[in-house]
Structure formats: C-alpha cells, structure tokens
Amino acid sequence: MHFVLPADVEDPGSPSGGNVYDLRVSAGLNRLTVAGDWPCPSDTTALRQTLAAIPDGDVVLLDGLVSCGVPEVVVPHAQRLRLAVLVHLPLADETGLDPETARDLDAREGQVLGAARAVIATSPTAARDIERRHGLDQVHVVVPGTDPAPPARGTDGVHHLLCVASITPRKGHDLLVRALRRIERDWRLTCVGPHRPFLRELPRDDRVSFPGPLTGEALTSAYDSADLFVLASRNETYGMVVTEALAHGLPVIASAVPDALGDGGLLIPAGDENALEAALTRWFQDQEFRAELRSKALARRAVLSTWDESTEDLRRVLATLRP
C-alpha cells in the first residue's frame, strides 16, 4: 500500500497538524512524497510520474491537499488503482478564498472524491460535512491520536496563555490578540507556529510573542509552562493541537474544534470576538471557572486515543480496498 504526500511533510520549518498526522499514521505504508504548490500546483509532473509508476491494482492513499485540486491527474488512475483520499480540510474551506476560487476548488475536490473507492476524514463532524457537500454515501473517520504527557506545571495558574497554530487568517490570531488587549489584566500570550505573511497584519503588543515553529522538547516545554491553551480558529476539521494541550492537562478555550475538545473545555462560537473576550475575562476573574476547566481537561486527558489506535483504524479502512 502506498501513501502519496506533499514533499514538505517532514520539513521542520513548516509543521502542521496534517503533516504530523500523515507521518504518524503512515507506518507500514510506502511513503511517496511529491513536490508542488498544493493544492493548485503550476507543475503536476511529480504527481503524474508518481501515480504512473504504481502497479495496477495497488492500494493508494492520497493526501487531499495533493490530490483534490487536480482531478485531471488523479481521476484517470481511478480504474486501475484502488484509490483512497484523506481529507484534512476541504479545499474550499481555507480562509480568504474568493467565491469563484472556492467554487472551483470545491468542484475539483468533488470529482476526485467521487472517483475514489474510500474517503477518510479526521473527525465525525468533518465526515458529515464532506458527505453532504459532495453527495457521498460514506466517509470513514480516523481521528488523530495523542502521545501521553505529564500534566503541565504552568506558571501562576492564570496568566500565561499558549496558542499553537500556523499564523494564518483561519487560525484567528487577530481575534485572539484583539480580545486580550481589551482585558485589563496581566497576561502573556505565546503564539507558537510557522510565521506567515498574515503576521504583519496582527495588532502589535509587547505581551504577545511569536517564537516560530517549535518541535520536540521545545514544544513540550511550551505546553508545560502554559496555564491556559487558547485557539480562536475560524474553521478546523479536527484541531490536533487541542488534544495535544489536553494530553498535558491544560485547560482549553477554543472554537471550531467540537470533536477534539469534546467535554474537555469551553467551546465558543467560531469568529465571535465578543464571546472570546467574555470567556477570557471569566478565566482571569473566576477561580471556580479555572478549576472547572482544569478538571475537564484532566478528565478528557484520561480518554484520549493513541496514535497506535489511529494507525490501526486507518489500516482497517485501507484493508477493505484489497482484492
């Protein structure tokens, strides 16, 4: 079985939830990386050559970012290969797309998913959305796993906030910084994640730091020193960073991540800056609320699935495609 991935999947300078997921569940699969400016590459030669070299009848899992924007490359192989597509985020849901581009990407994605023998999403909510959006009968769900971690020690239990997300409009850093600046309390916010051009558009505040992408011990240390994890995303398919925070027992206030958060924290409406400000104000002012969120995080931490479970779930789906 083969897994076709974007070439930057192992690039430490551009970590993403999708890349981490792909790497963690790819054990036992023949990993094939293809270069390109996905999902709309100017040159599809690498993907064309990669698919052409795979023997007839083999099972091929395609990352949706690589495949869903280029049906002219993928669909012709649907009869001779046993194709499955893993959708991390529907292409049209990326923030900032003009309506015409979004419609075009949505139509292209529909062609690819309609030709695939199996479609896989990373959350139940995303699976239902993809089924409705593209008229599919069944989208399989393989949720991300987590690594066990000791409970975060934090600072004073209140004032150090952490956000882990690429600095893009979809992740809502602008909402988060504006909401915090209106709160007259001491606070510190660390925004871990790859820097993008959107960083220049964010409100400036000395209490907000942007250390860039962190991995390994540096990322573990960032979780360990935080008192509260905050994610103000406008849209997510799952939100792996939320379960990573919960694995550290961190209280969580977040939006657009119902499946990842479960009952482990406070879910607020996506894009609602006033609701975000109100939740953060309550965090700073209400000791009982802080204790409640900590208790919820620890309870959710105890039932998070592992990466071994996620890998086995994926293998079961792919096994159904074998002759």
C-alpha atoms as a PDB file:
ATOM      1  CA  MET A   1       0.000   0.000   0.000  1.00  0.00           C
ATOM      2  CA  HIS A   2       1.240   3.468  -0.913  1.00  0.00           C
ATOM      3  CA  PHE A   3       0.719   6.887   0.694  1.00  0.00           C
ATOM      4  CA  VAL A   4       1.198   9.944  -1.556  1.00  0.00           C
ATOM      5  CA  LEU A   5       2.105  13.038   0.481  1.00  0.00           C
ATOM      6  CA  PRO A   6       3.237  16.639  -0.074  1.00  0.00           C
ATOM      7  CA  ALA A   7       7.018  16.979  -0.184  1.00  0.00           C
ATOM      8  CA  ASP A   8       7.158  19.283   2.860  1.00  0.00           C
ATOM      9  CA  VAL A   9       5.664  16.655   5.172  1.00  0.00           C
ATOM     10  CA  GLU A  10       8.970  16.243   7.019  1.00  0.00           C
ATOM     11  CA  ASP A  11      10.056  19.895   6.879  1.00  0.00           C
ATOM     12  CA  PRO A  12      10.645  21.050  10.489  1.00  0.00           C
ATOM     13  CA  GLY A  13      10.233  24.653   9.358  1.00  0.00           C
ATOM     14  CA  SER A  14       6.605  24.177   8.355  1.00  0.00           C
ATOM     15  CA  PRO A  15       4.967  21.796  10.814  1.00  0.00           C
ATOM     16  CA  SER A  16       1.206  21.367  10.555  1.00  0.00           C
ATOM     17  CA  GLY A  17      -1.412  19.123  12.033  1.00  0.00           C
ATOM     18  CA  GLY A  18      -1.885  17.471   8.649  1.00  0.00           C
ATOM     19  CA  ASN A  19       1.817  16.736   8.275  1.00  0.00           C
ATOM     20  CA  VAL A  20       2.089  15.318  11.782  1.00  0.00           C
ATOM     21  CA  TYR A  21      -0.972  13.160  11.201  1.00  0.00           C
ATOM     22  CA  ASP A  22       0.374  11.837   7.898  1.00  0.00           C
ATOM     23  CA  LEU A  23       3.720  10.913   9.421  1.00  0.00           C
ATOM     24  CA  ARG A  24       2.252   9.248  12.483  1.00  0.00           C
ATOM     25  CA  VAL A  25      -0.256   7.024  10.654  1.00  0.00           C
ATOM     26  CA  SER A  26       1.987   6.071   7.724  1.00  0.00           C
ATOM     27  CA  ALA A  27       3.748   3.171   9.464  1.00  0.00           C
ATOM     28  CA  GLY A  28       3.779   0.182   7.146  1.00  0.00           C
ATOM     29  CA  LEU A  29       2.857   2.210   4.060  1.00  0.00           C
ATOM     30  CA  ASN A  30       5.164   3.007   1.165  1.00  0.00           C
ATOM     31  CA  ARG A  31       5.504   6.762   1.610  1.00  0.00           C
ATOM     32  CA  LEU A  32       5.783   8.724  -1.682  1.00  0.00           C
ATOM     33  CA  THR A  33       6.328  12.493  -1.476  1.00  0.00           C
ATOM     34  CA  VAL A  34       5.578  14.844  -4.364  1.00  0.00           C
ATOM     35  CA  ALA A  35       6.735  18.427  -4.776  1.00  0.00           C
ATOM     36  CA  GLY A  36       4.309  21.151  -5.775  1.00  0.00           C
ATOM     37  CA  ASP A  37       2.490  24.256  -4.649  1.00  0.00           C
ATOM     38  CA  TRP A  38      -0.539  22.315  -3.472  1.00  0.00           C
ATOM     39  CA  PRO A  39      -3.483  22.339  -3.923  1.00  0.00           C
ATOM     40  CA  CYS A  40      -3.018  24.388  -7.131  1.00  0.00           C
ATOM     41  CA  PRO A  41       0.437  23.493  -8.481  1.00  0.00           C
ATOM     42  CA  SER A  42       1.866  25.113 -11.575  1.00  0.00           C
ATOM     43  CA  ASP A  43       3.548  21.804 -12.442  1.00  0.00           C
ATOM     44  CA  THR A  44       1.959  18.397 -11.795  1.00  0.00           C
ATOM     45  CA  THR A  45       4.787  16.353 -13.280  1.00  0.00           C
ATOM     46  CA  ALA A  46       5.877  14.843  -9.957  1.00  0.00           C
ATOM     47  CA  LEU A  47       2.390  13.612  -9.119  1.00  0.00           C
ATOM     48  CA  ARG A  48       1.788  12.295 -12.638  1.00  0.00           C
ATOM     49  CA  GLN A  49       5.032  10.327 -12.606  1.00  0.00           C
ATOM     50  CA  THR A  50       4.450   9.002  -9.108  1.00  0.00           C
ATOM     51  CA  LEU A  51       0.979   7.659  -9.876  1.00  0.00           C
ATOM     52  CA  ALA A  52       2.054   6.234 -13.240  1.00  0.00           C
ATOM     53  CA  ALA A  53       4.807   4.220 -11.558  1.00  0.00           C
ATOM     54  CA  ILE A  54       2.449   2.442  -9.141  1.00  0.00           C
ATOM     55  CA  PRO A  55       1.460  -1.055 -10.350  1.00  0.00           C
ATOM     56  CA  ASP A  56      -2.121  -1.777 -11.374  1.00  0.00           C
ATOM     57  CA  GLY A  57      -4.363  -2.910  -8.554  1.00  0.00           C
ATOM     58  CA  ASP A  58      -2.288  -1.455  -5.701  1.00  0.00           C
ATOM     59  CA  VAL A  59      -3.952   0.420  -2.831  1.00  0.00           C
ATOM     60  CA  VAL A  60      -3.021   4.114  -2.852  1.00  0.00           C
ATOM     61  CA  LEU A  61      -3.851   6.597  -0.106  1.00  0.00           C
ATOM     62  CA  LEU A  62      -3.688  10.195  -1.327  1.00  0.00           C
ATOM     63  CA  ASP A  63      -3.383  13.219   0.928  1.00  0.00           C
ATOM     64  CA  GLY A  64      -6.252  15.510  -0.041  1.00  0.00           C
ATOM     65  CA  LEU A  65      -4.019  18.544  -0.300  1.00  0.00           C
ATOM     66  CA  VAL A  66      -2.025  16.806  -3.046  1.00  0.00           C
ATOM     67  CA  SER A  67      -4.913  15.204  -4.892  1.00  0.00           C
ATOM     68  CA  CYS A  68      -8.176  17.103  -4.525  1.00  0.00           C
ATOM     69  CA  GLY A  69      -7.226  20.119  -6.642  1.00  0.00           C
ATOM     70  CA  VAL A  70      -6.069  18.124  -9.678  1.00  0.00           C
ATOM     71  CA  PRO A  71      -8.798  15.705 -10.829  1.00  0.00           C
ATOM     72  CA  GLU A  72      -7.296  15.736 -14.334  1.00  0.00           C
ATOM     73  CA  VAL A  73      -4.254  13.945 -12.853  1.00  0.00           C
ATOM     74  CA  VAL A  74      -5.917  11.672 -10.296  1.00  0.00           C
ATOM     75  CA  VAL A  75      -9.220  10.548 -11.808  1.00  0.00           C
ATOM     76  CA  PRO A  76      -7.684   8.764 -14.843  1.00  0.00           C
ATOM     77  CA  HIS A  77      -5.991   6.355 -12.404  1.00  0.00           C
ATOM     78  CA  ALA A  78      -9.204   5.517 -10.531  1.00  0.00           C
ATOM     79  CA  GLN A  79      -9.959   2.417 -12.605  1.00  0.00           C
ATOM     80  CA  ARG A  80      -6.538   0.787 -12.391  1.00  0.00           C
ATOM     81  CA  LEU A  81      -5.576   1.773  -8.815  1.00  0.00           C
ATOM     82  CA  ARG A  82      -7.530   1.295  -5.588  1.00  0.00           C
ATOM     83  CA  LEU A  83      -7.635   4.939  -4.515  1.00  0.00           C
ATOM     84  CA  ALA A  84      -8.445   6.332  -1.081  1.00  0.00           C
ATOM     85  CA  VAL A  85      -8.305  10.044  -0.231  1.00  0.00           C
ATOM     86  CA  LEU A  86      -7.549  11.504   3.196  1.00  0.00           C
ATOM     87  CA  VAL A  87      -9.194  14.924   3.612  1.00  0.00           C
ATOM     88  CA  HIS A  88      -7.655  17.092   6.304  1.00  0.00           C
ATOM     89  CA  LEU A  89      -9.577  20.231   5.299  1.00  0.00           C
ATOM     90  CA  PRO A  90     -11.946  20.656   2.348  1.00  0.00           C
ATOM     91  CA  LEU A  91     -10.116  22.876  -0.127  1.00  0.00           C
ATOM     92  CA  ALA A  92     -12.904  25.442  -0.350  1.00  0.00           C
ATOM     93  CA  ASP A  93     -12.869  25.962   3.435  1.00  0.00           C
ATOM     94  CA  GLU A  94      -9.489  27.691   3.518  1.00  0.00           C
ATOM     95  CA  THR A  95      -9.984  31.240   4.812  1.00  0.00           C
ATOM     96  CA  GLY A  96      -9.561  34.135   2.396  1.00  0.00           C
ATOM     97  CA  LEU A  97     -10.529  32.457  -0.873  1.00  0.00           C
ATOM     98  CA  ASP A  98     -12.639  34.480  -3.291  1.00  0.00           C
ATOM     99  CA  PRO A  99     -16.020  32.855  -4.064  1.00  0.00           C
ATOM    100  CA  GLU A 100     -15.092  31.840  -7.618  1.00  0.00           C
ATOM    101  CA  THR A 101     -11.890  30.104  -6.492  1.00  0.00           C
ATOM    102  CA  ALA A 102     -13.725  28.360  -3.654  1.00  0.00           C
ATOM    103  CA  ARG A 103     -16.409  27.048  -6.040  1.00  0.00           C
ATOM    104  CA  ASP A 104     -13.774  25.809  -8.478  1.00  0.00           C
ATOM    105  CA  LEU A 105     -11.815  24.007  -5.750  1.00  0.00           C
ATOM    106  CA  ASP A 106     -14.994  22.502  -4.339  1.00  0.00           C
ATOM    107  CA  ALA A 107     -15.960  21.146  -7.776  1.00  0.00           C
ATOM    108  CA  ARG A 108     -12.482  19.719  -8.350  1.00  0.00           C
ATOM    109  CA  GLU A 109     -12.492  18.072  -4.948  1.00  0.00           C
ATOM    110  CA  GLY A 110     -15.893  16.544  -5.660  1.00  0.00           C
ATOM    111  CA  GLN A 111     -14.582  14.926  -8.843  1.00  0.00           C
ATOM    112  CA  VAL A 112     -11.647  13.356  -7.013  1.00  0.00           C
ATOM    113  CA  LEU A 113     -13.647  12.128  -4.037  1.00  0.00           C
ATOM    114  CA  GLY A 114     -16.379  10.774  -6.288  1.00  0.00           C
ATOM    115  CA  ALA A 115     -13.804   8.681  -8.159  1.00  0.00           C
ATOM    116  CA  ALA A 116     -12.112   7.328  -5.014  1.00  0.00           C
ATOM    117  CA  ARG A 117     -13.049   3.951  -3.536  1.00  0.00           C
ATOM    118  CA  ALA A 118     -12.782   5.330   0.004  1.00  0.00           C
ATOM    119  CA  VAL A 119     -12.743   8.794   1.549  1.00  0.00           C
ATOM    120  CA  ILE A 120     -11.327   9.365   5.026  1.00  0.00           C
ATOM    121  CA  ALA A 121     -11.822  12.373   7.295  1.00  0.00           C
ATOM    122  CA  THR A 122     -10.197  13.151  10.622  1.00  0.00           C
ATOM    123  CA  SER A 123     -13.359  13.856  12.622  1.00  0.00           C
ATOM    124  CA  PRO A 124     -17.042  12.866  12.668  1.00  0.00           C
ATOM    125  CA  THR A 125     -18.105  16.468  12.049  1.00  0.00           C
ATOM    126  CA  ALA A 126     -15.829  16.738   9.023  1.00  0.00           C
ATOM    127  CA  ALA A 127     -17.063  13.391   7.664  1.00  0.00           C
ATOM    128  CA  ARG A 128     -20.689  14.512   7.811  1.00  0.00           C
ATOM    129  CA  ASP A 129     -19.818  17.804   6.116  1.00  0.00           C
ATOM    130  CA  ILE A 130     -17.938  16.062   3.296  1.00  0.00           C
ATOM    131  CA  GLU A 131     -20.809  13.610   2.767  1.00  0.00           C
ATOM    132  CA  ARG A 132     -23.314  16.474   2.441  1.00  0.00           C
ATOM    133  CA  ARG A 133     -21.020  18.669   0.387  1.00  0.00           C
ATOM    134  CA  HIS A 134     -20.168  16.058  -2.236  1.00  0.00           C
ATOM    135  CA  GLY A 135     -23.122  13.686  -2.036  1.00  0.00           C
ATOM    136  CA  LEU A 136     -21.100  10.731  -0.766  1.00  0.00           C
ATOM    137  CA  ASP A 137     -22.688   7.712   0.893  1.00  0.00           C
ATOM    138  CA  GLN A 138     -19.946   7.089   3.453  1.00  0.00           C
ATOM    139  CA  VAL A 139     -16.864   8.923   4.650  1.00  0.00           C
ATOM    140  CA  HIS A 140     -14.704   6.957   7.061  1.00  0.00           C
ATOM    141  CA  VAL A 141     -13.403   8.598  10.245  1.00  0.00           C
ATOM    142  CA  VAL A 142      -9.886   8.145  11.598  1.00  0.00           C
ATOM    143  CA  VAL A 143      -9.289  10.648  14.380  1.00  0.00           C
ATOM    144  CA  PRO A 144      -5.768  11.773  15.275  1.00  0.00           C
ATOM    145  CA  GLY A 145      -4.044  10.209  18.248  1.00  0.00           C
ATOM    146  CA  THR A 146      -2.050  11.760  21.042  1.00  0.00           C
ATOM    147  CA  ASP A 147       1.151  10.992  22.906  1.00  0.00           C
ATOM    148  CA  PRO A 148       0.932  10.558  26.676  1.00  0.00           C
ATOM    149  CA  ALA A 149       2.397  13.546  28.535  1.00  0.00           C
ATOM    150  CA  PRO A 150       2.795  14.624  32.164  1.00  0.00           C
ATOM    151  CA  PRO A 151       0.444  17.363  33.400  1.00  0.00           C
ATOM    152  CA  ALA A 152       1.688  20.879  32.630  1.00  0.00           C
ATOM    153  CA  ARG A 153       3.188  22.732  35.595  1.00  0.00           C
ATOM    154  CA  GLY A 154       2.261  26.193  34.297  1.00  0.00           C
ATOM    155  CA  THR A 155       3.336  29.434  35.929  1.00  0.00           C
ATOM    156  CA  ASP A 156       0.931  31.018  38.415  1.00  0.00           C
ATOM    157  CA  GLY A 157      -2.028  29.056  37.084  1.00  0.00           C
ATOM    158  CA  VAL A 158      -3.622  32.068  35.405  1.00  0.00           C
ATOM    159  CA  HIS A 159      -1.628  34.464  33.282  1.00  0.00           C
ATOM    160  CA  HIS A 160       0.456  32.567  30.723  1.00  0.00           C
ATOM    161  CA  LEU A 161      -1.622  31.720  27.645  1.00  0.00           C
ATOM    162  CA  LEU A 162      -0.483  29.488  24.783  1.00  0.00           C
ATOM    163  CA  CYS A 163      -1.690  29.177  21.189  1.00  0.00           C
ATOM    164  CA  VAL A 164      -0.142  26.634  18.818  1.00  0.00           C
ATOM    165  CA  ALA A 165      -1.141  27.245  15.199  1.00  0.00           C
ATOM    166  CA  SER A 166       0.263  28.461  11.909  1.00  0.00           C
ATOM    167  CA  ILE A 167      -0.069  32.246  11.676  1.00  0.00           C
ATOM    168  CA  THR A 168      -2.854  32.385   9.087  1.00  0.00           C
ATOM    169  CA  PRO A 169      -6.274  34.093   8.992  1.00  0.00           C
ATOM    170  CA  ARG A 170      -8.061  30.760   9.524  1.00  0.00           C
ATOM    171  CA  LYS A 171      -6.431  30.314  12.940  1.00  0.00           C
ATOM    172  CA  GLY A 172      -7.886  33.569  14.296  1.00  0.00           C
ATOM    173  CA  HIS A 173      -4.823  35.122  15.926  1.00  0.00           C
ATOM    174  CA  ASP A 174      -6.249  38.553  15.090  1.00  0.00           C
ATOM    175  CA  LEU A 175      -9.415  37.781  17.069  1.00  0.00           C
ATOM    176  CA  LEU A 176      -7.399  36.462  19.990  1.00  0.00           C
ATOM    177  CA  VAL A 177      -4.999  39.390  20.260  1.00  0.00           C
ATOM    178  CA  ARG A 178      -7.766  41.997  19.933  1.00  0.00           C
ATOM    179  CA  ALA A 179      -9.871  40.257  22.582  1.00  0.00           C
ATOM    180  CA  LEU A 180      -6.969  40.065  25.018  1.00  0.00           C
ATOM    181  CA  ARG A 181      -5.976  43.698  24.522  1.00  0.00           C
ATOM    182  CA  ARG A 182      -9.406  44.773  25.774  1.00  0.00           C
ATOM    183  CA  ILE A 183      -8.958  42.873  29.047  1.00  0.00           C
ATOM    184  CA  GLU A 184      -7.380  44.952  31.803  1.00  0.00           C
ATOM    185  CA  ARG A 185      -5.461  42.177  33.490  1.00  0.00           C
ATOM    186  CA  ASP A 186      -1.879  40.973  33.453  1.00  0.00           C
ATOM    187  CA  TRP A 187      -1.417  38.336  30.770  1.00  0.00           C
ATOM    188  CA  ARG A 188       1.170  36.861  28.443  1.00  0.00           C
ATOM    189  CA  LEU A 189       0.437  35.094  25.164  1.00  0.00           C
ATOM    190  CA  THR A 190       2.875  32.838  23.327  1.00  0.00           C
ATOM    191  CA  CYS A 191       1.883  32.053  19.733  1.00  0.00           C
ATOM    192  CA  VAL A 192       3.837  29.009  18.550  1.00  0.00           C
ATOM    193  CA  GLY A 193       3.683  28.245  14.840  1.00  0.00           C
ATOM    194  CA  PRO A 194       5.188  28.964  11.422  1.00  0.00           C
ATOM    195  CA  HIS A 195       5.258  32.638  10.530  1.00  0.00           C
ATOM    196  CA  ARG A 196       3.170  33.623   7.517  1.00  0.00           C
ATOM    197  CA  PRO A 197       2.569  36.999   5.792  1.00  0.00           C
ATOM    198  CA  PHE A 198      -0.568  37.377   7.944  1.00  0.00           C
ATOM    199  CA  LEU A 199       1.720  38.018  10.927  1.00  0.00           C
ATOM    200  CA  ARG A 200       2.294  41.572   9.652  1.00  0.00           C
ATOM    201  CA  GLU A 201      -1.437  42.290   9.864  1.00  0.00           C
ATOM    202  CA  LEU A 202      -1.812  41.375  13.534  1.00  0.00           C
ATOM    203  CA  PRO A 203      -2.154  44.033  16.253  1.00  0.00           C
ATOM    204  CA  ARG A 204       1.195  44.595  17.940  1.00  0.00           C
ATOM    205  CA  ASP A 205       1.538  44.112  21.680  1.00  0.00           C
ATOM    206  CA  ASP A 206       4.652  43.521  23.784  1.00  0.00           C
ATOM    207  CA  ARG A 207       2.791  40.871  25.769  1.00  0.00           C
ATOM    208  CA  VAL A 208       2.461  38.668  22.671  1.00  0.00           C
ATOM    209  CA  SER A 209       5.454  36.639  21.477  1.00  0.00           C
ATOM    210  CA  PHE A 210       5.900  34.679  18.231  1.00  0.00           C
ATOM    211  CA  PRO A 211       8.774  32.213  18.648  1.00  0.00           C
ATOM    212  CA  GLY A 212       8.014  30.470  15.348  1.00  0.00           C
ATOM    213  CA  PRO A 213       7.520  26.716  14.921  1.00  0.00           C
ATOM    214  CA  LEU A 214       8.653  24.515  17.804  1.00  0.00           C
ATOM    215  CA  THR A 215       9.079  20.762  17.880  1.00  0.00           C
ATOM    216  CA  GLY A 216      10.338  18.135  20.303  1.00  0.00           C
ATOM    217  CA  GLU A 217      11.480  19.303  23.717  1.00  0.00           C
ATOM    218  CA  ALA A 218      10.946  22.977  22.850  1.00  0.00           C
ATOM    219  CA  LEU A 219       7.255  22.381  22.088  1.00  0.00           C
ATOM    220  CA  THR A 220       6.860  20.182  25.165  1.00  0.00           C
ATOM    221  CA  SER A 221       8.348  22.990  27.253  1.00  0.00           C
ATOM    222  CA  ALA A 222       5.876  25.483  25.771  1.00  0.00           C
ATOM    223  CA  TYR A 223       2.948  23.306  26.823  1.00  0.00           C
ATOM    224  CA  ASP A 224       4.480  22.679  30.245  1.00  0.00           C
ATOM    225  CA  SER A 225       4.874  26.391  31.045  1.00  0.00           C
ATOM    226  CA  ALA A 226       1.347  27.396  29.958  1.00  0.00           C
ATOM    227  CA  ASP A 227      -1.641  27.995  32.227  1.00  0.00           C
ATOM    228  CA  LEU A 228      -4.332  28.080  29.523  1.00  0.00           C
ATOM    229  CA  PHE A 229      -4.466  26.921  25.918  1.00  0.00           C
ATOM    230  CA  VAL A 230      -6.439  29.137  23.532  1.00  0.00           C
ATOM    231  CA  LEU A 231      -7.352  28.534  19.897  1.00  0.00           C
ATOM    232  CA  ALA A 232      -9.564  31.061  18.091  1.00  0.00           C
ATOM    233  CA  SER A 233      -9.826  29.249  14.758  1.00  0.00           C
ATOM    234  CA  ARG A 234     -12.483  30.273  12.282  1.00  0.00           C
ATOM    235  CA  ASN A 235     -12.535  26.753  10.837  1.00  0.00           C
ATOM    236  CA  GLU A 236     -10.945  23.390  11.656  1.00  0.00           C
ATOM    237  CA  THR A 237     -11.505  19.787  10.636  1.00  0.00           C
ATOM    238  CA  TYR A 238     -10.326  18.448  13.983  1.00  0.00           C
ATOM    239  CA  GLY A 239      -7.755  20.545  15.850  1.00  0.00           C
ATOM    240  CA  MET A 240      -4.904  18.257  16.882  1.00  0.00           C
ATOM    241  CA  VAL A 241      -3.235  20.962  18.960  1.00  0.00           C
ATOM    242  CA  VAL A 242      -6.253  20.908  21.265  1.00  0.00           C
ATOM    243  CA  THR A 243      -5.832  17.220  22.069  1.00  0.00           C
ATOM    244  CA  GLU A 244      -2.100  17.809  22.495  1.00  0.00           C
ATOM    245  CA  ALA A 245      -2.906  20.505  25.053  1.00  0.00           C
ATOM    246  CA  LEU A 246      -5.414  18.229  26.772  1.00  0.00           C
ATOM    247  CA  ALA A 247      -2.806  15.454  26.885  1.00  0.00           C
ATOM    248  CA  HIS A 248      -0.812  17.879  29.053  1.00  0.00           C
ATOM    249  CA  GLY A 249      -3.873  18.512  31.227  1.00  0.00           C
ATOM    250  CA  LEU A 250      -4.103  22.122  30.062  1.00  0.00           C
ATOM    251  CA  PRO A 251      -7.401  23.988  30.412  1.00  0.00           C
ATOM    252  CA  VAL A 252      -8.711  24.904  26.953  1.00  0.00           C
ATOM    253  CA  ILE A 253     -10.842  27.683  25.486  1.00  0.00           C
ATOM    254  CA  ALA A 254     -11.292  27.139  21.754  1.00  0.00           C
ATOM    255  CA  SER A 255     -13.557  27.465  18.726  1.00  0.00           C
ATOM    256  CA  ALA A 256     -14.332  25.234  15.720  1.00  0.00           C
ATOM    257  CA  VAL A 257     -12.981  22.067  17.414  1.00  0.00           C
ATOM    258  CA  PRO A 258     -16.015  20.182  18.838  1.00  0.00           C
ATOM    259  CA  ASP A 259     -14.628  16.699  18.184  1.00  0.00           C
ATOM    260  CA  ALA A 260     -11.131  17.360  19.527  1.00  0.00           C
ATOM    261  CA  LEU A 261     -12.351  19.227  22.598  1.00  0.00           C
ATOM    262  CA  GLY A 262     -15.296  17.004  23.474  1.00  0.00           C
ATOM    263  CA  ASP A 263     -16.314  17.916  27.010  1.00  0.00           C
ATOM    264  CA  GLY A 264     -12.723  18.782  27.908  1.00  0.00           C
ATOM    265  CA  GLY A 265     -13.043  22.571  27.939  1.00  0.00           C
ATOM    266  CA  LEU A 266     -15.045  25.580  26.765  1.00  0.00           C
ATOM    267  CA  LEU A 267     -16.124  25.665  23.105  1.00  0.00           C
ATOM    268  CA  ILE A 268     -17.059  29.143  21.870  1.00  0.00           C
ATOM    269  CA  PRO A 269     -18.648  30.162  18.542  1.00  0.00           C
ATOM    270  CA  ALA A 270     -16.134  30.470  15.724  1.00  0.00           C
ATOM    271  CA  GLY A 271     -15.334  34.024  14.699  1.00  0.00           C
ATOM    272  CA  ASP A 272     -17.114  35.549  17.713  1.00  0.00           C
ATOM    273  CA  GLU A 273     -14.637  38.006  19.189  1.00  0.00           C
ATOM    274  CA  ASN A 274     -17.037  39.136  21.917  1.00  0.00           C
ATOM    275  CA  ALA A 275     -17.613  35.570  23.103  1.00  0.00           C
ATOM    276  CA  LEU A 276     -13.854  35.033  23.154  1.00  0.00           C
ATOM    277  CA  GLU A 277     -13.311  38.186  25.219  1.00  0.00           C
ATOM    278  CA  ALA A 278     -16.047  37.154  27.651  1.00  0.00           C
ATOM    279  CA  ALA A 279     -14.574  33.683  28.105  1.00  0.00           C
ATOM    280  CA  LEU A 280     -11.068  35.026  28.688  1.00  0.00           C
ATOM    281  CA  THR A 281     -12.352  37.675  31.108  1.00  0.00           C
ATOM    282  CA  ARG A 282     -14.113  34.953  33.080  1.00  0.00           C
ATOM    283  CA  TRP A 283     -10.903  32.901  33.077  1.00  0.00           C
ATOM    284  CA  PHE A 284      -8.964  35.748  34.694  1.00  0.00           C
ATOM    285  CA  GLN A 285     -11.693  36.734  37.166  1.00  0.00           C
ATOM    286  CA  ASP A 286     -13.333  33.445  38.236  1.00  0.00           C
ATOM    287  CA  GLN A 287     -11.242  30.981  40.237  1.00  0.00           C
ATOM    288  CA  GLU A 288     -14.023  28.364  40.216  1.00  0.00           C
ATOM    289  CA  PHE A 289     -14.219  28.580  36.417  1.00  0.00           C
ATOM    290  CA  ARG A 290     -10.474  27.986  36.163  1.00  0.00           C
ATOM    291  CA  ALA A 291     -10.763  24.959  38.449  1.00  0.00           C
ATOM    292  CA  GLU A 292     -13.673  23.624  36.374  1.00  0.00           C
ATOM    293  CA  LEU A 293     -11.698  23.871  33.121  1.00  0.00           C
ATOM    294  CA  ARG A 294      -8.702  22.144  34.712  1.00  0.00           C
ATOM    295  CA  SER A 295     -10.924  19.326  35.943  1.00  0.00           C
ATOM    296  CA  LYS A 296     -12.498  18.907  32.497  1.00  0.00           C
ATOM    297  CA  ALA A 297      -9.091  18.835  30.821  1.00  0.00           C
ATOM    298  CA  LEU A 298      -7.793  16.128  33.148  1.00  0.00           C
ATOM    299  CA  ALA A 299     -10.918  14.015  32.608  1.00  0.00           C
ATOM    300  CA  ARG A 300     -10.615  14.311  28.813  1.00  0.00           C
ATOM    301  CA  ARG A 301      -6.883  13.576  29.029  1.00  0.00           C
ATOM    302  CA  ALA A 302      -7.661  10.165  30.509  1.00  0.00           C
ATOM    303  CA  VAL A 303      -9.715   9.020  27.481  1.00  0.00           C
ATOM    304  CA  LEU A 304      -7.779  10.405  24.506  1.00  0.00           C
ATOM    305  CA  SER A 305      -6.987   7.865  21.804  1.00  0.00           C
ATOM    306  CA  THR A 306      -3.395   6.972  20.939  1.00  0.00           C
ATOM    307  CA  TRP A 307      -1.538   7.106  17.632  1.00  0.00           C
ATOM    308  CA  ASP A 308      -1.360   3.308  17.614  1.00  0.00           C
ATOM    309  CA  GLU A 309      -5.156   3.229  17.659  1.00  0.00           C
ATOM    310  CA  SER A 310      -5.355   5.775  14.844  1.00  0.00           C
ATOM    311  CA  THR A 311      -2.876   3.825  12.723  1.00  0.00           C
ATOM    312  CA  GLU A 312      -4.845   0.611  13.219  1.00  0.00           C
ATOM    313  CA  ASP A 313      -8.111   2.373  12.315  1.00  0.00           C
ATOM    314  CA  LEU A 314      -6.561   3.606   9.064  1.00  0.00           C
ATOM    315  CA  ARG A 315      -5.210   0.172   8.218  1.00  0.00           C
ATOM    316  CA  ARG A 316      -8.673  -1.343   8.665  1.00  0.00           C
ATOM    317  CA  VAL A 317     -10.148   1.120   6.166  1.00  0.00           C
ATOM    318  CA  LEU A 318      -7.395   0.508   3.603  1.00  0.00           C
ATOM    319  CA  ALA A 319      -7.681  -3.261   4.062  1.00  0.00           C
ATOM    320  CA  THR A 320     -11.232  -3.097   2.709  1.00  0.00           C
ATOM    321  CA  LEU A 321      -9.823  -1.941  -0.642  1.00  0.00           C
ATOM    322  CA  ARG A 322      -7.678  -5.003  -1.179  1.00  0.00           C
ATOM    323  CA  PRO A 323      -8.964  -7.537  -3.730  1.00  0.00           C
END
